[in-house]
Structure formats: structure tokens, C-alpha cells
Amino acid sequence: MACKISSCQEIVDFFRKRNKWVITFAGYGELGYQQKDRVEQVAKPLLEAKNPKSVIVNTGTLLRTQGEEGIAVVYKLALKMGIETSGVHPGVALSCTGTHPPSPFEQHSFYVHDSSWGGFIEPYPTLSPTLKTMLAVSDELVVIGGGKHAADELEAFYRHGKKVSYFPAEMNHQSVQAWNQVASEKVEDLRGAAFHRWHMLCMDGQKPRL
């Protein structure tokens, strides 16, 4: 797996040469899911409907030492089904690969020149370089639960007319309790930020594109 900074164009060129339908998944990362099989429950039938040789499963999620696997579990599922996997990550993560490594089931790892951790950056709704690249290489977004970054990805894909699907899921209760004991920014809603962003978009004068 590559461990260097790549330009957006280099990453786009890679995916274009693969000539496959890119499904990006977003959801919870280190806090994980209360319903342990939620990702597989949603992703498996979606992927079974595709030709495995014509699809790439992508995420922007890195693992976190001592954390849950979260949405990255979709990589294992994809590989079992004969589907190629990839990840698009912010370059800032390369400074902490000891605590934020890519999944070992991620076949192609790309890092964008980005000092943020992705999502929107100021002034809102400016796309971070990572989110801009994610949009450029993806044909579709599937969001399963998800916090702030998943919410930003959901909104960006929706606003840019990409195919978006959202599936509710609660984050792992035990992980949240442990997080809230040490984190300065507490998790208040187990349904995640993407739940509220989706409903905001649903009320935005137009039904979300599915």
C-alpha cells in the first residue's frame, strides 16, 4: 500500500484506469456500532447486486489503535466477495500511522495533501482536499450511521448530485461512555451527526437523490 502524498489528479487517474464503479462507504470509525453486524447487514445485499469485478469499495476511514473497526469492516466483506478495495485519506494522517493505520484489508491507500482531517473546512462549505478527491473518484456514497465527517461527506455528495444512500445506526454505547470520560468534546446523540444532516437535507426543499 502506498504511503506517500499524491495529488488529486494522480488519484483520479488511478481510478479512471481501473474503469470500475466506485462505492464509497462512510460511517462510524473508532467508536464502532452498537449493532455489530449493521455494516454487513446493509453492505452485503448492495454489493451482491453488483458484478464484483466491476466495483471498487472505498472509504476515507482509518483504524484507531484500541478503537473499534467501524465502517472499515466493509473491506473484509468486499474482499471475501472478490471486490477490490481502496481508501482516500488526508495526508496529515501520515504523521500518526502508529495510532491511525489503514485497514490491512485496504488494497490501495491514497493520501491527499491535506492538513485537515477531511470533511468541510472554513469557510463552510469549502471542501477539504480529501473530500474534494473523494467526490472526484466516487460514483456513489453509502452512509451507515456516522459522525461529523460522514455527515460532511453525505452533504457534499448530495449537493454535487452524486448518488447517496443513508442507513441509520447507533454508535457503540460502551465506546461512547469511555470516550465521554476523557474527551473534551462529548458525544451527546448515539444516532450520530449524519442522522441529523440527512434529515436536514430531506427538509431542504428537495427529496435527496437516491
Protein backbone atom coordinates (compact mmCIF):
# COMPACT_ATOMS: atom_id res chain seq x y z
CA MET A 1 0.00 0.00 0.00
CA ALA A 2 1.26 3.46 -0.88
CA CYS A 3 2.39 5.67 2.00
CA LYS A 4 3.09 8.94 0.21
CA ILE A 5 1.24 12.12 -0.64
CA SER A 6 -0.48 12.02 -4.03
CA SER A 7 -2.14 14.81 -5.94
CA CYS A 8 -5.86 14.71 -6.54
CA GLN A 9 -5.20 14.21 -10.25
CA GLU A 10 -2.89 11.24 -9.64
CA ILE A 11 -5.58 9.56 -7.56
CA VAL A 12 -8.31 10.35 -10.09
CA ASP A 13 -6.12 8.92 -12.87
CA PHE A 14 -5.66 5.67 -10.91
CA PHE A 15 -9.40 5.14 -10.55
CA ARG A 16 -10.09 6.08 -14.17
CA LYS A 17 -7.64 3.44 -15.34
CA ARG A 18 -9.43 0.83 -13.20
CA ASN A 19 -12.66 1.70 -15.04
CA LYS A 20 -14.83 0.42 -12.19
CA TRP A 21 -17.86 1.71 -10.29
CA VAL A 22 -16.55 3.20 -7.03
CA ILE A 23 -18.81 2.86 -3.99
CA THR A 24 -17.57 4.92 -1.05
CA PHE A 25 -18.81 3.91 2.38
CA ALA A 26 -18.95 6.31 5.33
CA GLY A 27 -19.98 5.73 8.94
CA TYR A 28 -18.54 5.39 12.41
CA GLY A 29 -14.83 4.86 12.92
CA GLU A 30 -13.22 4.10 16.26
CA LEU A 31 -16.48 4.33 18.26
CA GLY A 32 -17.98 1.48 16.25
CA TYR A 33 -21.54 0.22 16.03
CA GLN A 34 -23.96 -0.86 18.73
CA GLN A 35 -25.38 -3.45 16.33
CA LYS A 36 -22.20 -5.34 15.48
CA ASP A 37 -23.42 -6.71 12.16
CA ARG A 38 -25.02 -3.46 10.95
CA VAL A 39 -22.40 -2.71 8.28
CA GLU A 40 -22.59 -6.20 6.80
CA GLN A 41 -26.40 -6.15 7.05
CA VAL A 42 -26.51 -3.04 4.85
CA ALA A 43 -23.48 -3.55 2.60
CA LYS A 44 -23.79 -7.22 1.69
CA PRO A 45 -27.04 -7.03 -0.32
CA LEU A 46 -25.87 -3.82 -2.00
CA LEU A 47 -22.63 -5.45 -3.10
CA GLU A 48 -24.25 -8.75 -4.06
CA ALA A 49 -26.26 -6.83 -6.64
CA LYS A 50 -23.02 -5.77 -8.38
CA ASN A 51 -20.56 -7.62 -10.57
CA PRO A 52 -17.60 -7.99 -8.16
CA LYS A 53 -15.11 -7.46 -10.98
CA SER A 54 -16.64 -4.10 -11.90
CA VAL A 55 -16.69 -2.49 -8.43
CA ILE A 56 -14.26 -0.87 -6.01
CA VAL A 57 -15.23 -0.45 -2.35
CA ASN A 58 -13.71 2.72 -0.93
CA THR A 59 -13.75 4.58 2.40
CA GLY A 60 -11.99 7.51 3.99
CA THR A 61 -11.77 5.76 7.36
CA LEU A 62 -8.54 4.80 9.07
CA LEU A 63 -8.33 2.45 12.02
CA ARG A 64 -7.57 3.73 15.51
CA THR A 65 -5.37 1.81 17.95
CA GLN A 66 -7.55 0.43 20.76
CA GLY A 67 -10.65 1.57 18.87
CA GLU A 68 -13.43 -0.24 17.03
CA GLU A 69 -13.08 -1.20 13.36
CA GLY A 70 -16.28 0.65 12.49
CA ILE A 71 -17.18 1.15 8.84
CA ALA A 72 -13.79 -0.28 7.81
CA VAL A 73 -15.25 -3.75 8.36
CA VAL A 74 -16.68 -3.32 4.85
CA TYR A 75 -13.20 -4.01 3.48
CA LYS A 76 -13.17 -7.58 4.78
CA LEU A 77 -16.63 -8.17 3.40
CA ALA A 78 -15.64 -6.79 -0.01
CA LEU A 79 -12.50 -8.92 -0.29
CA LYS A 80 -14.46 -12.06 0.61
CA MET A 81 -16.75 -11.22 -2.30
CA GLY A 82 -13.84 -10.70 -4.70
CA ILE A 83 -14.21 -6.91 -4.75
CA GLU A 84 -11.22 -4.56 -4.94
CA THR A 85 -10.76 -2.12 -2.03
CA SER A 86 -9.26 1.35 -1.64
CA GLY A 87 -9.02 4.25 0.79
CA VAL A 88 -8.59 8.01 0.34
CA HIS A 89 -7.12 9.72 3.41
CA PRO A 90 -5.76 13.12 4.47
CA GLY A 91 -2.00 13.46 4.37
CA VAL A 92 -1.92 14.66 8.00
CA ALA A 93 -2.61 11.04 8.98
CA LEU A 94 0.84 10.02 7.78
CA SER A 95 2.29 11.73 10.85
CA CYS A 96 0.44 9.33 13.14
CA THR A 97 0.36 5.98 11.36
CA GLY A 98 1.20 4.30 14.68
CA THR A 99 -2.23 5.21 16.03
CA HIS A 100 -4.19 5.70 12.76
CA PRO A 101 -3.16 2.95 10.31
CA PRO A 102 -5.13 1.93 7.23
CA SER A 103 -7.04 -1.32 7.39
CA PRO A 104 -4.93 -4.36 6.43
CA PHE A 105 -7.80 -5.24 4.07
CA GLU A 106 -7.42 -1.95 2.18
CA GLN A 107 -5.59 -2.85 -1.02
CA HIS A 108 -4.88 0.66 -2.31
CA SER A 109 -4.25 3.50 0.16
CA PHE A 110 -4.02 7.10 -1.04
CA TYR A 111 -3.07 10.18 0.96
CA VAL A 112 -4.04 13.65 -0.19
CA HIS A 113 -2.07 16.81 0.63
CA ASP A 114 -4.43 17.95 3.41
CA SER A 115 -3.59 19.39 6.83
CA SER A 116 -7.18 18.91 7.99
CA TRP A 117 -8.82 15.58 8.76
CA GLY A 118 -11.23 15.86 5.84
CA GLY A 119 -14.85 16.95 5.59
CA PHE A 120 -15.70 20.62 5.17
CA ILE A 121 -13.21 23.33 6.11
CA GLU A 122 -13.73 27.04 6.75
CA PRO A 123 -15.38 28.94 5.26
CA TYR A 124 -18.25 26.45 5.16
CA PRO A 125 -18.99 24.64 2.90
CA THR A 126 -15.50 24.61 1.38
CA LEU A 127 -14.40 21.08 0.54
CA SER A 128 -11.20 19.87 2.14
CA PRO A 129 -8.72 18.46 -0.38
CA THR A 130 -9.57 14.96 0.85
CA LEU A 131 -13.31 15.41 0.42
CA LYS A 132 -12.77 17.02 -2.99
CA THR A 133 -10.76 13.99 -4.07
CA MET A 134 -13.30 11.57 -2.62
CA LEU A 135 -16.02 13.25 -4.67
CA ALA A 136 -13.93 13.11 -7.82
CA VAL A 137 -13.23 9.38 -7.66
CA SER A 138 -16.57 8.08 -6.31
CA ASP A 139 -19.72 7.20 -8.22
CA GLU A 140 -21.87 6.60 -5.17
CA LEU A 141 -21.89 7.11 -1.39
CA VAL A 142 -23.40 4.74 1.17
CA VAL A 143 -23.61 6.16 4.71
CA ILE A 144 -24.30 3.85 7.66
CA GLY A 145 -24.75 5.92 10.81
CA GLY A 146 -21.76 8.23 11.07
CA GLY A 147 -20.40 11.26 12.88
CA LYS A 148 -19.30 14.69 11.65
CA HIS A 149 -17.05 13.58 8.81
CA ALA A 150 -19.63 11.13 7.50
CA ALA A 151 -22.21 13.93 7.73
CA ASP A 152 -19.97 16.27 5.72
CA GLU A 153 -19.39 13.60 3.09
CA LEU A 154 -23.13 12.91 2.89
CA GLU A 155 -23.93 16.59 2.37
CA ALA A 156 -21.14 17.13 -0.16
CA PHE A 157 -22.18 14.16 -2.29
CA TYR A 158 -25.82 15.23 -2.12
CA ARG A 159 -25.06 18.85 -3.07
CA HIS A 160 -22.95 17.70 -6.02
CA GLY A 161 -25.66 15.44 -7.42
CA LYS A 162 -23.99 12.12 -6.62
CA LYS A 163 -25.98 9.03 -5.72
CA VAL A 164 -26.39 8.90 -1.92
CA SER A 165 -27.95 6.31 0.38
CA TYR A 166 -28.29 6.71 4.15
CA PHE A 167 -28.96 3.95 6.69
CA PRO A 168 -29.42 4.81 10.40
CA ALA A 169 -27.28 3.12 13.04
CA GLU A 170 -26.31 3.88 16.63
CA MET A 171 -22.69 4.11 17.68
CA ASN A 172 -21.42 1.62 20.26
CA HIS A 173 -22.77 2.66 23.67
CA GLN A 174 -19.81 1.35 25.65
CA SER A 175 -17.30 3.08 23.39
CA VAL A 176 -19.20 6.34 23.74
CA GLN A 177 -19.22 6.09 27.53
CA ALA A 178 -15.44 5.60 27.55
CA TRP A 179 -14.98 8.46 25.05
CA ASN A 180 -17.07 10.88 27.08
CA GLN A 181 -14.96 10.25 30.18
CA VAL A 182 -11.78 11.55 28.55
CA ALA A 183 -12.73 13.68 25.53
CA SER A 184 -13.21 17.44 25.65
CA GLU A 185 -15.97 17.22 23.05
CA LYS A 186 -18.68 14.87 24.33
CA VAL A 187 -20.92 12.67 22.19
CA GLU A 188 -24.49 13.67 23.01
CA ASP A 189 -26.52 11.67 20.48
CA LEU A 190 -25.90 8.00 19.80
CA ARG A 191 -27.54 8.32 16.38
CA GLY A 192 -24.60 10.40 15.10
CA ALA A 193 -24.30 13.69 13.23
CA ALA A 194 -25.09 12.09 9.86
CA PHE A 195 -28.61 11.24 11.09
CA HIS A 196 -29.40 14.91 11.66
CA ARG A 197 -27.66 16.06 8.47
CA TRP A 198 -29.69 13.61 6.40
CA HIS A 199 -32.95 14.85 7.85
CA MET A 200 -31.86 18.45 7.30
CA LEU A 201 -31.28 17.64 3.63
CA CYS A 202 -34.63 15.85 3.41
CA MET A 203 -36.32 19.08 4.54
CA ASP A 204 -34.25 21.26 2.22
CA GLY A 205 -36.98 21.68 -0.37
CA GLN A 206 -35.98 18.66 -2.42
CA LYS A 207 -36.00 14.93 -1.79
CA PRO A 208 -32.43 13.61 -1.52
CA ARG A 209 -31.15 11.86 -4.61
CA LEU A 210 -31.18 8.08 -4.11
